[in-house]
Amino acid sequence: MTGSYDKRPRGAMPGWLVKWLINALALLIVSYVPYGRGQLIQIDGAGTALIAAMVLGIVNTFIRPIFMLFSLPMQFATFGLFTLVINALMLMLGDWLMGRSFDLPGGLFAAIIASILLGLTGAALNAIIRGDK
């Protein structure tokens, strides 16, 4: 026994790498959605989408759980719909951290719409690429 518990076929990409690429692709797809006089999300290119996906992954891993914990009363009062606002705030935090290369020009409502579209697009891409159900 080699001590390796990895169930992936030899030569397959790690799951975190596939997830990162899928999230970057979802960002690129949602960046083409029109909103107002411009785009819902403005991204400078594929490299920026990769960096933004990494930044959003770090924000969602470390900061989002704190927001979720402190917003539990609001979560119960709104039957979980306040999660949409938290997701939008995490997207806006990613926008702030990335500077001008990743921009959400529409404010909180646009960020809510973008977070919904990113979730749906990411789920669809996961179903297509990874076979998730």
Protein backbone atom coordinates (compact mmCIF):
# COMPACT_ATOMS: atom_id res chain seq x y z
CA MET A 1 0.00 0.00 0.00
CA THR A 2 1.44 3.35 -1.00
CA GLY A 3 -0.45 5.38 1.60
CA SER A 4 -2.25 7.45 -1.00
CA TYR A 5 -5.99 7.78 -0.48
CA ASP A 6 -6.59 9.87 -3.57
CA LYS A 7 -9.49 8.40 -5.57
CA ARG A 8 -8.75 10.43 -8.71
CA PRO A 9 -7.53 8.68 -11.83
CA ARG A 10 -3.83 9.19 -12.45
CA GLY A 11 -3.24 12.47 -14.29
CA ALA A 12 -6.55 14.06 -13.26
CA MET A 13 -6.56 17.63 -11.96
CA PRO A 14 -7.16 18.17 -8.23
CA GLY A 15 -10.74 19.05 -7.29
CA TRP A 16 -9.84 22.47 -5.94
CA LEU A 17 -8.19 23.40 -9.24
CA VAL A 18 -11.23 22.36 -11.26
CA LYS A 19 -13.49 24.31 -8.89
CA TRP A 20 -11.28 27.39 -9.20
CA LEU A 21 -11.33 27.23 -13.02
CA ILE A 22 -15.11 26.72 -13.03
CA ASN A 23 -15.60 29.76 -10.78
CA ALA A 24 -13.36 31.86 -13.03
CA LEU A 25 -15.34 30.71 -16.08
CA ALA A 26 -18.60 31.57 -14.29
CA LEU A 27 -17.25 35.07 -13.60
CA LEU A 28 -16.36 35.49 -17.26
CA ILE A 29 -19.81 34.31 -18.38
CA VAL A 30 -21.67 36.59 -15.95
CA SER A 31 -19.48 39.51 -17.02
CA TYR A 32 -21.33 39.47 -20.36
CA VAL A 33 -24.74 40.09 -18.73
CA PRO A 34 -25.89 43.62 -19.51
CA TYR A 35 -27.01 45.82 -16.65
CA GLY A 36 -28.08 49.43 -17.02
CA ARG A 37 -25.73 51.11 -19.48
CA GLY A 38 -22.90 48.63 -19.01
CA GLN A 39 -22.18 45.15 -17.77
CA LEU A 40 -23.26 43.59 -14.47
CA ILE A 41 -19.63 42.71 -13.69
CA GLN A 42 -16.67 44.29 -15.42
CA ILE A 43 -13.55 42.10 -15.67
CA ASP A 44 -10.38 43.02 -17.55
CA GLY A 45 -9.80 39.50 -18.89
CA ALA A 46 -9.32 35.81 -18.19
CA GLY A 47 -6.29 36.39 -15.96
CA THR A 48 -8.26 38.82 -13.85
CA ALA A 49 -11.11 36.31 -13.65
CA LEU A 50 -8.69 33.70 -12.31
CA ILE A 51 -7.37 36.10 -9.68
CA ALA A 52 -10.91 37.28 -8.80
CA ALA A 53 -12.07 33.67 -8.40
CA MET A 54 -9.16 33.06 -6.03
CA VAL A 55 -9.89 36.24 -4.04
CA LEU A 56 -13.59 35.38 -3.81
CA GLY A 57 -12.73 31.84 -2.74
CA ILE A 58 -10.54 33.16 0.08
CA VAL A 59 -13.19 35.71 1.12
CA ASN A 60 -15.91 33.04 1.11
CA THR A 61 -13.72 30.63 3.07
CA PHE A 62 -12.61 32.94 5.86
CA ILE A 63 -14.93 35.96 6.08
CA ARG A 64 -18.34 34.68 4.95
CA PRO A 65 -18.72 32.21 7.86
CA ILE A 66 -18.25 35.09 10.34
CA PHE A 67 -20.97 37.10 8.60
CA MET A 68 -23.24 34.05 8.54
CA LEU A 69 -22.75 33.47 12.26
CA PHE A 70 -23.47 37.06 13.29
CA SER A 71 -26.48 37.27 10.97
CA LEU A 72 -28.24 34.16 12.33
CA PRO A 73 -31.15 36.15 13.84
CA MET A 74 -31.68 37.88 10.50
CA GLN A 75 -31.37 34.53 8.72
CA PHE A 76 -34.17 33.10 10.84
CA ALA A 77 -36.35 36.20 10.44
CA THR A 78 -36.04 36.13 6.63
CA PHE A 79 -36.14 32.34 6.28
CA GLY A 80 -32.58 32.36 4.90
CA LEU A 81 -33.10 35.02 2.24
CA PHE A 82 -30.60 37.30 4.00
CA THR A 83 -27.95 34.92 2.64
CA LEU A 84 -28.42 36.68 -0.72
CA VAL A 85 -27.34 39.95 0.90
CA ILE A 86 -24.32 38.30 2.53
CA ASN A 87 -23.29 36.74 -0.79
CA ALA A 88 -23.62 40.15 -2.44
CA LEU A 89 -21.52 41.75 0.32
CA MET A 90 -18.80 39.13 -0.20
CA LEU A 91 -18.85 39.89 -3.93
CA MET A 92 -18.57 43.61 -3.16
CA LEU A 93 -15.67 42.91 -0.79
CA GLY A 94 -13.95 41.00 -3.60
CA ASP A 95 -14.58 44.00 -5.86
CA TRP A 96 -12.98 46.31 -3.28
CA LEU A 97 -9.97 44.03 -2.82
CA MET A 98 -9.38 43.63 -6.57
CA GLY A 99 -9.41 47.33 -7.42
CA ARG A 100 -10.20 48.56 -10.92
CA SER A 101 -9.65 45.27 -12.76
CA PHE A 102 -12.80 43.69 -11.24
CA ASP A 103 -15.75 46.04 -10.83
CA LEU A 104 -19.41 45.86 -9.77
CA PRO A 105 -20.65 49.26 -10.92
CA GLY A 106 -24.33 48.73 -10.01
CA GLY A 107 -24.25 48.71 -6.19
CA LEU A 108 -25.87 46.27 -3.77
CA PHE A 109 -28.86 45.31 -5.93
CA ALA A 110 -26.60 44.54 -8.88
CA ALA A 111 -24.33 42.53 -6.56
CA ILE A 112 -27.35 40.48 -5.40
CA ILE A 113 -28.28 39.75 -9.01
CA ALA A 114 -24.66 38.94 -9.85
CA SER A 115 -24.32 36.56 -6.88
CA ILE A 116 -27.50 34.72 -7.91
CA LEU A 117 -26.28 34.44 -11.50
CA LEU A 118 -22.81 33.33 -10.37
CA GLY A 119 -24.37 30.62 -8.20
CA LEU A 120 -26.60 29.36 -11.00
CA THR A 121 -23.83 29.52 -13.60
CA GLY A 122 -21.36 27.79 -11.29
CA ALA A 123 -23.87 25.04 -10.51
CA ALA A 124 -24.59 24.51 -14.22
CA LEU A 125 -20.88 24.39 -15.08
CA ASN A 126 -20.24 21.96 -12.20
CA ALA A 127 -23.01 19.72 -13.51
CA ILE A 128 -21.59 19.81 -17.03
CA ILE A 129 -17.88 19.56 -16.27
CA ARG A 130 -17.71 17.56 -13.03
CA GLY A 131 -20.98 15.68 -13.30
CA ASP A 132 -22.35 17.13 -10.03
CA LYS A 133 -26.08 16.84 -9.50
